[in-house]
Amino acid sequence: MRGWVEYFKLADIRGLPKATDKWARSRIRAVYWKQWKKIKTKYRMLKAMGMEHWKAKELACSRKGYWRMAQVLNSVITNKIIAKLGYTSMLDYYLTVGPMSRKSTN
């Protein structure tokens, strides 16, 4: 991502990194949901993240697809948790190296 931002930093593309970040975070949530294959594992992981018993059981037994569950997990696997996992926000990086940062230094 850094290489992509460095390449396009001359253009004013603030909206694109924001949309890409949103999509990437949803994809990360979907991948985690997909990794927790069994209902038992889904329940255990949701409980470990601080979810109530009834809500964790309800979500773990859900038959919705990965992408839909990624939207539901937005409140459980927050952006802060994803940042702790090592995801660097494309928008934050763009704002530090993009055209707006150069204007402030001149």
Protein backbone atom coordinates (compact mmCIF):
# COMPACT_ATOMS: atom_id res chain seq x y z
CA MET A 1 0.00 0.00 0.00
CA ARG A 2 2.81 2.37 0.76
CA GLY A 3 4.21 1.98 -2.72
CA TRP A 4 0.82 2.73 -4.21
CA VAL A 5 0.42 5.86 -2.07
CA GLU A 6 3.95 7.01 -2.90
CA TYR A 7 3.23 6.60 -6.62
CA PHE A 8 -0.06 8.55 -6.56
CA LYS A 9 0.86 11.13 -3.91
CA LEU A 10 1.02 13.93 -6.47
CA ALA A 11 -2.69 13.63 -7.23
CA ASP A 12 -5.37 14.82 -4.83
CA ILE A 13 -7.13 11.50 -4.23
CA ARG A 14 -8.35 11.76 -0.66
CA GLY A 15 -11.58 9.84 -1.35
CA LEU A 16 -9.94 6.77 -2.86
CA PRO A 17 -7.74 5.82 0.13
CA LYS A 18 -10.73 6.29 2.44
CA ALA A 19 -12.91 3.94 0.38
CA THR A 20 -10.05 1.47 -0.02
CA ASP A 21 -9.44 1.45 3.75
CA LYS A 22 -13.10 0.74 4.40
CA TRP A 23 -13.08 -2.15 1.92
CA ALA A 24 -9.78 -3.56 3.27
CA ARG A 25 -11.01 -3.53 6.87
CA SER A 26 -14.20 -5.32 5.83
CA ARG A 27 -12.10 -7.88 3.98
CA ILE A 28 -9.94 -8.42 7.08
CA ARG A 29 -13.08 -9.02 9.17
CA ALA A 30 -14.41 -11.45 6.56
CA VAL A 31 -11.12 -13.36 6.55
CA TYR A 32 -11.19 -13.70 10.33
CA TRP A 33 -14.79 -14.93 10.21
CA LYS A 34 -13.79 -17.43 7.54
CA GLN A 35 -10.85 -18.67 9.63
CA TRP A 36 -13.15 -19.38 12.57
CA LYS A 37 -14.78 -22.27 10.72
CA LYS A 38 -16.70 -23.98 13.50
CA ILE A 39 -19.56 -22.49 15.50
CA LYS A 40 -17.71 -23.35 18.69
CA THR A 41 -14.64 -21.37 17.58
CA LYS A 42 -16.74 -18.40 16.45
CA TYR A 43 -18.53 -18.33 19.80
CA ARG A 44 -15.28 -18.62 21.77
CA MET A 45 -13.58 -15.82 19.83
CA LEU A 46 -16.58 -13.50 20.10
CA LYS A 47 -16.74 -14.10 23.86
CA ALA A 48 -13.00 -13.39 24.11
CA MET A 49 -13.63 -10.02 22.46
CA GLY A 50 -16.11 -9.11 25.16
CA MET A 51 -19.44 -9.93 23.56
CA GLU A 52 -22.38 -11.05 25.70
CA HIS A 53 -23.30 -14.76 25.76
CA TRP A 54 -26.61 -14.50 23.91
CA LYS A 55 -25.28 -12.19 21.22
CA ALA A 56 -22.15 -14.29 20.66
CA LYS A 57 -24.27 -17.42 20.33
CA GLU A 58 -26.63 -15.66 17.93
CA LEU A 59 -23.81 -14.47 15.68
CA ALA A 60 -21.90 -17.76 15.83
CA CYS A 61 -24.95 -19.68 14.64
CA SER A 62 -25.73 -17.20 11.87
CA ARG A 63 -25.96 -18.59 8.34
CA LYS A 64 -25.17 -15.31 6.67
CA GLY A 65 -22.27 -15.10 4.24
CA TYR A 66 -18.77 -13.89 5.01
CA TRP A 67 -19.20 -10.42 3.56
CA ARG A 68 -22.47 -9.78 5.41
CA MET A 69 -20.98 -11.01 8.67
CA ALA A 70 -18.00 -8.70 8.11
CA GLN A 71 -20.45 -5.79 8.25
CA VAL A 72 -22.01 -7.18 11.43
CA LEU A 73 -18.58 -7.70 13.03
CA ASN A 74 -17.80 -4.01 12.57
CA SER A 75 -18.76 -3.39 16.21
CA VAL A 76 -16.73 -6.35 17.51
CA ILE A 77 -13.53 -6.19 15.48
CA THR A 78 -13.08 -2.43 15.58
CA ASN A 79 -10.64 -0.31 13.60
CA LYS A 80 -8.44 -0.05 16.71
CA ILE A 81 -8.15 -3.84 16.90
CA ILE A 82 -7.31 -4.03 13.20
CA ALA A 83 -4.64 -1.34 13.69
CA LYS A 84 -3.16 -3.37 16.56
CA LEU A 85 -2.97 -6.34 14.21
CA GLY A 86 -0.63 -4.29 12.03
CA TYR A 87 -2.87 -2.73 9.38
CA THR A 88 -1.59 0.70 8.38
CA SER A 89 -4.40 2.99 7.28
CA MET A 90 -3.91 4.06 3.69
CA LEU A 91 -5.64 7.40 4.31
CA ASP A 92 -3.45 8.26 7.30
CA TYR A 93 -0.32 7.42 5.35
CA TYR A 94 -1.53 9.42 2.34
CA LEU A 95 -2.19 12.44 4.53
CA THR A 96 1.37 12.31 5.90
CA VAL A 97 3.08 12.06 2.49
CA GLY A 98 0.44 13.49 0.12
CA PRO A 99 0.13 16.94 -1.44
CA MET A 100 -1.43 18.53 1.66
CA SER A 101 1.58 17.64 3.81
CA ARG A 102 3.96 19.33 1.37
CA LYS A 103 1.92 22.56 1.43
CA SER A 104 2.22 22.78 5.19
CA THR A 105 6.00 22.34 5.12
CA ASN A 106 6.60 25.15 2.58
